[in-house]
Amino acid sequence: MKTILVPVDLSRATARVCDAACSLAQAIRGRLVLLHVVQPPPVELNSYGFAVADVRSMLAALEKRAAHKLLALGRRCAKSGRPVRAVQLTGKPVPAILAQTKALKAEFIVLGSHGHNAAYDLLVGSTAQGILRKSRRPVLVVPMPRLRR
């Protein structure tokens, strides 16, 4: 059975990405692996050194919140009738996604692109761009609709 890796950021755009991935899974009779990578919060120095306890509690809260959202998303995707598995990791998204692609022997990656401008991508980075550049597997990028102002 073909595996489709679906990295999600759990934003409002995630539902659209999952719908596209579910359609692909039905078409190729594949299975979905939803992947969310929790990025650790930036560490700030205080006058005593690193605020390690604060970072750990923040990270634990982020992981717990993400786990609940990921489980709900898994239930939504299961309605497609295709097998679904949810995986949550902590770290940098691009390397984690690429490592999971390899570990799962995923045939496809389906992810969203928020469509930020070049300045934003330069300063913050783009996960979709990083995956497109480095993946050896086909990548389906689901564009997000522009917000009306």
Protein backbone atom coordinates (compact mmCIF):
# COMPACT_ATOMS: atom_id res chain seq x y z
CA MET A 1 0.00 0.00 0.00
CA LYS A 2 1.37 3.41 -0.95
CA THR A 3 2.11 5.85 1.86
CA ILE A 4 1.30 9.54 1.65
CA LEU A 5 3.06 11.74 4.20
CA VAL A 6 1.00 14.78 5.14
CA PRO A 7 2.99 17.33 7.16
CA VAL A 8 0.57 19.74 8.82
CA ASP A 9 1.06 22.89 10.86
CA LEU A 10 -2.42 22.65 12.42
CA SER A 11 -3.38 26.10 11.14
CA ARG A 12 -6.71 26.89 9.47
CA ALA A 13 -5.10 25.76 6.21
CA THR A 14 -4.68 22.21 7.47
CA ALA A 15 -8.21 21.08 6.57
CA ARG A 16 -7.64 21.98 2.91
CA VAL A 17 -4.34 20.06 2.86
CA CYS A 18 -5.96 17.01 4.43
CA ASP A 19 -8.84 17.08 1.95
CA ALA A 20 -6.34 17.01 -0.93
CA ALA A 21 -4.37 14.20 0.72
CA CYS A 22 -7.55 12.17 1.34
CA SER A 23 -8.52 12.54 -2.33
CA LEU A 24 -5.09 11.33 -3.40
CA ALA A 25 -5.24 8.41 -0.95
CA GLN A 26 -8.61 7.33 -2.33
CA ALA A 27 -7.37 7.61 -5.92
CA ILE A 28 -4.26 5.48 -5.34
CA ARG A 29 -5.71 3.33 -2.55
CA GLY A 30 -3.00 4.57 -0.23
CA ARG A 31 -2.63 5.23 3.46
CA LEU A 32 -2.14 8.60 5.13
CA VAL A 33 0.43 9.51 7.74
CA LEU A 34 -0.31 12.87 9.29
CA LEU A 35 2.83 14.50 10.66
CA HIS A 36 3.06 17.51 12.92
CA VAL A 37 6.44 18.83 14.00
CA VAL A 38 6.39 20.97 17.14
CA GLN A 39 9.07 23.61 16.98
CA PRO A 40 10.63 24.35 20.35
CA PRO A 41 10.14 27.95 21.45
CA PRO A 42 13.17 30.21 21.19
CA VAL A 43 15.27 30.23 24.33
CA GLU A 44 15.83 33.58 25.95
CA LEU A 45 18.66 34.38 28.28
CA ASN A 46 17.97 36.06 31.56
CA SER A 47 20.48 37.41 34.04
CA TYR A 48 20.89 33.93 35.54
CA GLY A 49 21.34 32.03 32.28
CA PHE A 50 18.87 29.99 30.26
CA ALA A 51 15.26 29.84 31.37
CA VAL A 52 15.25 26.06 30.90
CA ALA A 53 12.30 25.28 33.19
CA ASP A 54 10.13 27.82 31.38
CA VAL A 55 11.10 26.41 27.99
CA ARG A 56 10.33 22.86 29.08
CA SER A 57 6.88 23.79 30.39
CA MET A 58 6.14 25.83 27.25
CA LEU A 59 7.21 22.96 25.03
CA ALA A 60 5.12 20.48 27.01
CA ALA A 61 2.07 22.73 26.64
CA LEU A 62 2.67 23.10 22.90
CA GLU A 63 3.06 19.33 22.47
CA LYS A 64 -0.11 18.58 24.45
CA ARG A 65 -2.20 21.09 22.51
CA ALA A 66 -0.83 19.84 19.18
CA ALA A 67 -1.50 16.20 20.11
CA HIS A 68 -5.20 16.95 20.73
CA LYS A 69 -5.52 18.77 17.41
CA LEU A 70 -3.65 16.03 15.55
CA LEU A 71 -5.92 13.30 16.97
CA ALA A 72 -9.01 15.26 15.89
CA LEU A 73 -7.52 15.68 12.45
CA GLY A 74 -6.84 11.94 12.28
CA ARG A 75 -10.48 11.20 13.05
CA ARG A 76 -11.55 13.61 10.30
CA CYS A 77 -9.25 11.93 7.76
CA ALA A 78 -10.39 8.44 8.79
CA LYS A 79 -13.81 9.29 7.38
CA SER A 80 -12.23 9.01 3.92
CA GLY A 81 -12.13 5.25 4.43
CA ARG A 82 -8.35 5.06 4.02
CA PRO A 83 -5.99 4.01 6.82
CA VAL A 84 -4.65 6.98 8.80
CA ARG A 85 -1.84 7.27 11.30
CA ALA A 86 -0.82 10.40 13.23
CA VAL A 87 2.78 11.16 14.21
CA GLN A 88 4.03 14.05 16.28
CA LEU A 89 7.69 15.02 16.57
CA THR A 90 9.61 17.88 18.11
CA GLY A 91 12.34 19.68 16.20
CA LYS A 92 12.97 21.55 12.98
CA PRO A 93 10.25 20.85 10.41
CA VAL A 94 12.21 20.35 7.17
CA PRO A 95 14.74 17.80 8.51
CA ALA A 96 12.02 16.00 10.49
CA ILE A 97 9.72 15.75 7.46
CA LEU A 98 12.51 14.47 5.24
CA ALA A 99 13.56 11.91 7.86
CA GLN A 100 9.98 10.65 8.20
CA THR A 101 9.64 10.44 4.42
CA LYS A 102 12.65 8.16 4.35
CA ALA A 103 11.68 6.12 7.44
CA LEU A 104 8.14 5.51 6.16
CA LYS A 105 9.26 4.99 2.56
CA ALA A 106 6.53 7.45 1.63
CA GLU A 107 5.77 7.69 -2.07
CA PHE A 108 4.22 11.17 -1.86
CA ILE A 109 4.29 14.27 0.34
CA VAL A 110 1.24 16.53 0.48
CA LEU A 111 1.67 19.86 2.26
CA GLY A 112 0.32 23.37 2.24
CA SER A 113 1.89 26.66 1.31
CA HIS A 114 0.74 29.84 2.96
CA GLY A 115 2.01 31.93 0.06
CA HIS A 116 3.95 34.46 2.10
CA ASN A 117 6.03 36.97 0.20
CA ALA A 118 9.73 36.52 -0.55
CA ALA A 119 10.82 38.78 2.33
CA TYR A 120 8.91 36.66 4.85
CA ASP A 121 10.36 33.44 3.43
CA LEU A 122 13.86 34.91 3.54
CA LEU A 123 13.57 35.96 7.19
CA VAL A 124 11.45 33.15 8.59
CA GLY A 125 11.88 30.41 6.01
CA SER A 126 9.39 28.31 4.16
CA THR A 127 8.83 24.68 5.05
CA ALA A 128 7.22 24.00 1.67
CA GLN A 129 10.18 25.55 -0.12
CA GLY A 130 12.66 23.51 1.92
CA ILE A 131 10.81 20.27 1.17
CA LEU A 132 10.51 21.07 -2.54
CA ARG A 133 14.24 21.69 -2.76
CA LYS A 134 15.39 18.64 -0.81
CA SER A 135 12.77 15.91 -1.28
CA ARG A 136 13.45 13.00 -3.59
CA ARG A 137 9.75 12.12 -3.60
CA PRO A 138 6.92 13.81 -5.50
CA VAL A 139 5.50 16.74 -3.53
CA LEU A 140 1.96 18.05 -3.92
CA VAL A 141 1.76 21.63 -2.65
CA VAL A 142 -1.75 22.79 -1.80
CA PRO A 143 -1.92 26.57 -2.13
CA MET A 144 -3.87 28.47 0.46
CA PRO A 145 -6.40 31.06 -0.66
CA ARG A 146 -5.33 34.67 -0.21
CA LEU A 147 -7.08 36.45 2.64
CA ARG A 148 -9.22 39.35 1.49
CA ARG A 149 -8.47 42.69 3.02
